[in-house]
Amino acid sequence: MKRIIFIFSALSIITIASCNKTSEDKTEEETQAYTQPSTPTDTVIVTPTETPKTERPDKPVIETTLNTKLLFNTWVSNPENPHADFVLSKKSFYVVDYDGDADMPYTVNGETLTVYYKDDTRKAKIISVTKDNLLLQWEGVEEPTTYTVWKG
């Protein structure tokens, strides 16, 4: 009986010892295989690439011959909506139904309106602006969007 217990204990110790083998127990050859490439041509240097973010201006930049007195207004694409879509002013492009800080910087360069959202930039060609209507052709949108002055 003592012999069976001794054999069982010895086998248990051997099993535990083999399961706890650490990197210190590896042979020099095994260690080199994990840490060094076999030849210098196997070395690959990976440099992380980061998409550069568009610089957001701190305040609006307006360089246009358009009548800004007409452009600076509260606009809505559907007059039946309970609120306007945006307010365009000297201060900002204010998105009315937006979570968080709704004041977005923007630029008007010629006939191009660029709005700098927190995580995206949207561009539109200003096709026309009158005292009642603003017609914008947003990039990536097939049809121009007609906005009217919000009467709310």
Protein backbone atom coordinates (compact mmCIF):
# COMPACT_ATOMS: atom_id res chain seq x y z
CA MET A 1 0.00 0.00 0.00
CA LYS A 2 2.86 2.40 0.86
CA ARG A 3 4.44 1.56 -2.46
CA ILE A 4 1.24 2.55 -4.37
CA ILE A 5 1.02 5.87 -2.51
CA PHE A 6 4.72 6.54 -3.22
CA ILE A 7 4.31 5.82 -6.96
CA PHE A 8 1.13 7.93 -7.13
CA SER A 9 2.89 10.85 -5.36
CA ALA A 10 5.93 10.61 -7.64
CA LEU A 11 3.76 10.62 -10.77
CA SER A 12 1.79 13.61 -9.46
CA ILE A 13 4.99 15.58 -8.81
CA ILE A 14 6.34 14.78 -12.27
CA THR A 15 3.04 15.80 -13.88
CA ILE A 16 2.88 19.09 -11.98
CA ALA A 17 6.51 19.87 -12.71
CA SER A 18 6.07 19.32 -16.44
CA CYS A 19 2.95 21.54 -16.52
CA ASN A 20 4.78 24.41 -14.81
CA LYS A 21 7.61 24.58 -17.33
CA THR A 22 8.44 28.30 -17.80
CA SER A 23 10.34 30.20 -20.45
CA GLU A 24 13.41 29.88 -18.24
CA ASP A 25 13.27 26.12 -18.81
CA LYS A 26 13.33 26.50 -22.62
CA THR A 27 16.49 25.63 -24.39
CA GLU A 28 18.57 28.40 -25.91
CA GLU A 29 17.52 27.20 -29.37
CA GLU A 30 13.78 27.47 -28.49
CA THR A 31 14.28 30.97 -27.08
CA GLN A 32 16.11 32.19 -30.19
CA ALA A 33 13.37 30.81 -32.40
CA TYR A 34 10.83 33.03 -30.65
CA THR A 35 12.84 36.22 -30.31
CA GLN A 36 15.05 36.47 -33.36
CA PRO A 37 14.24 36.17 -37.04
CA SER A 38 16.18 33.47 -38.83
CA THR A 39 17.73 35.98 -41.24
CA PRO A 40 17.82 39.78 -41.39
CA THR A 41 15.55 39.71 -44.45
CA ASP A 42 12.76 38.26 -42.30
CA THR A 43 12.54 41.46 -40.28
CA VAL A 44 9.39 43.44 -40.94
CA ILE A 45 9.03 46.91 -39.48
CA VAL A 46 5.43 47.93 -39.00
CA THR A 47 4.74 51.60 -38.57
CA PRO A 48 1.26 52.51 -37.45
CA THR A 49 -0.63 54.59 -39.93
CA GLU A 50 -3.08 57.14 -38.67
CA THR A 51 -5.57 58.92 -40.84
CA PRO A 52 -4.92 62.61 -40.41
CA LYS A 53 -7.91 64.45 -39.05
CA THR A 54 -9.13 67.52 -40.83
CA GLU A 55 -8.14 70.67 -39.02
CA ARG A 56 -11.20 72.33 -37.54
CA PRO A 57 -11.08 76.09 -37.46
CA ASP A 58 -11.74 77.73 -34.08
CA LYS A 59 -14.26 80.10 -35.62
CA PRO A 60 -16.02 80.53 -38.97
CA VAL A 61 -13.93 81.58 -41.94
CA ILE A 62 -15.96 83.46 -44.54
CA GLU A 63 -14.42 84.32 -47.90
CA THR A 64 -17.29 84.81 -50.33
CA THR A 65 -19.11 87.36 -52.43
CA LEU A 66 -22.48 85.86 -51.44
CA ASN A 67 -24.82 88.10 -49.46
CA THR A 68 -24.21 86.88 -45.91
CA LYS A 69 -27.20 88.90 -44.64
CA LEU A 70 -29.35 86.46 -46.57
CA LEU A 71 -27.22 83.44 -45.71
CA PHE A 72 -27.20 84.04 -41.94
CA ASN A 73 -30.60 82.71 -40.94
CA THR A 74 -32.51 79.82 -39.39
CA TRP A 75 -33.15 77.16 -42.05
CA VAL A 76 -35.47 74.17 -42.30
CA SER A 77 -35.81 71.61 -45.10
CA ASN A 78 -39.43 70.78 -44.20
CA PRO A 79 -41.53 73.66 -42.84
CA GLU A 80 -43.84 71.10 -41.18
CA ASN A 81 -41.02 69.97 -38.84
CA PRO A 82 -41.37 71.03 -35.19
CA HIS A 83 -37.90 72.64 -35.25
CA ALA A 84 -35.40 74.11 -37.68
CA ASP A 85 -32.53 72.09 -39.15
CA PHE A 86 -29.72 74.56 -38.53
CA VAL A 87 -28.90 78.16 -37.79
CA LEU A 88 -26.15 79.72 -39.86
CA SER A 89 -24.64 82.78 -38.20
CA LYS A 90 -21.38 84.69 -37.94
CA LYS A 91 -20.71 82.64 -34.80
CA SER A 92 -21.32 79.05 -36.00
CA PHE A 93 -23.29 76.47 -37.93
CA TYR A 94 -25.68 75.46 -35.15
CA VAL A 95 -27.31 72.04 -35.61
CA VAL A 96 -30.69 72.28 -33.89
CA ASP A 97 -31.35 68.61 -33.04
CA TYR A 98 -27.88 67.48 -31.97
CA ASP A 99 -26.60 65.65 -28.87
CA GLY A 100 -23.98 67.69 -27.08
CA ASP A 101 -22.37 70.90 -28.30
CA ALA A 102 -24.27 71.81 -31.47
CA ASP A 103 -22.12 74.81 -32.46
CA MET A 104 -19.96 73.66 -35.38
CA PRO A 105 -17.25 75.75 -36.98
CA TYR A 106 -17.59 76.23 -40.70
CA THR A 107 -16.05 77.89 -43.70
CA VAL A 108 -17.62 79.55 -46.70
CA ASN A 109 -15.08 79.72 -49.48
CA GLY A 110 -16.62 81.14 -52.62
CA GLU A 111 -19.77 79.06 -53.06
CA THR A 112 -18.60 76.13 -50.94
CA LEU A 113 -19.91 75.63 -47.41
CA THR A 114 -17.82 73.27 -45.27
CA VAL A 115 -19.18 72.24 -41.87
CA TYR A 116 -16.74 70.72 -39.37
CA TYR A 117 -18.69 68.29 -37.20
CA LYS A 118 -16.95 66.63 -34.26
CA ASP A 119 -16.28 63.42 -36.19
CA ASP A 120 -16.93 64.33 -39.81
CA THR A 121 -16.71 67.12 -42.35
CA ARG A 122 -19.56 67.85 -44.74
CA LYS A 123 -19.37 70.05 -47.84
CA ALA A 124 -22.11 71.64 -49.88
CA LYS A 125 -22.21 73.90 -52.90
CA ILE A 126 -24.38 76.95 -52.27
CA ILE A 127 -26.44 77.02 -55.44
CA SER A 128 -28.58 80.00 -54.45
CA VAL A 129 -29.66 82.06 -51.48
CA THR A 130 -32.59 84.47 -51.29
CA LYS A 131 -34.44 86.09 -48.42
CA ASP A 132 -36.70 82.99 -48.18
CA ASN A 133 -34.73 80.06 -49.66
CA LEU A 134 -31.33 78.41 -49.53
CA LEU A 135 -30.46 75.75 -52.09
CA LEU A 136 -27.54 73.46 -51.16
CA GLN A 137 -26.01 70.58 -53.08
CA TRP A 138 -24.45 68.40 -50.37
CA GLU A 139 -21.59 66.13 -51.42
CA GLY A 140 -22.76 62.54 -51.79
CA VAL A 141 -26.43 63.54 -52.07
CA GLU A 142 -27.97 63.18 -55.50
CA GLU A 143 -30.58 65.95 -55.35
CA PRO A 144 -30.05 69.49 -54.04
CA THR A 145 -31.74 70.32 -50.73
CA THR A 146 -34.03 73.33 -50.58
CA TYR A 147 -34.20 75.06 -47.20
CA THR A 148 -36.67 77.76 -46.26
CA VAL A 149 -36.49 80.32 -43.51
CA TRP A 150 -37.96 78.75 -40.38
CA LYS A 151 -41.05 80.60 -39.21
CA GLY A 152 -41.28 78.85 -35.82
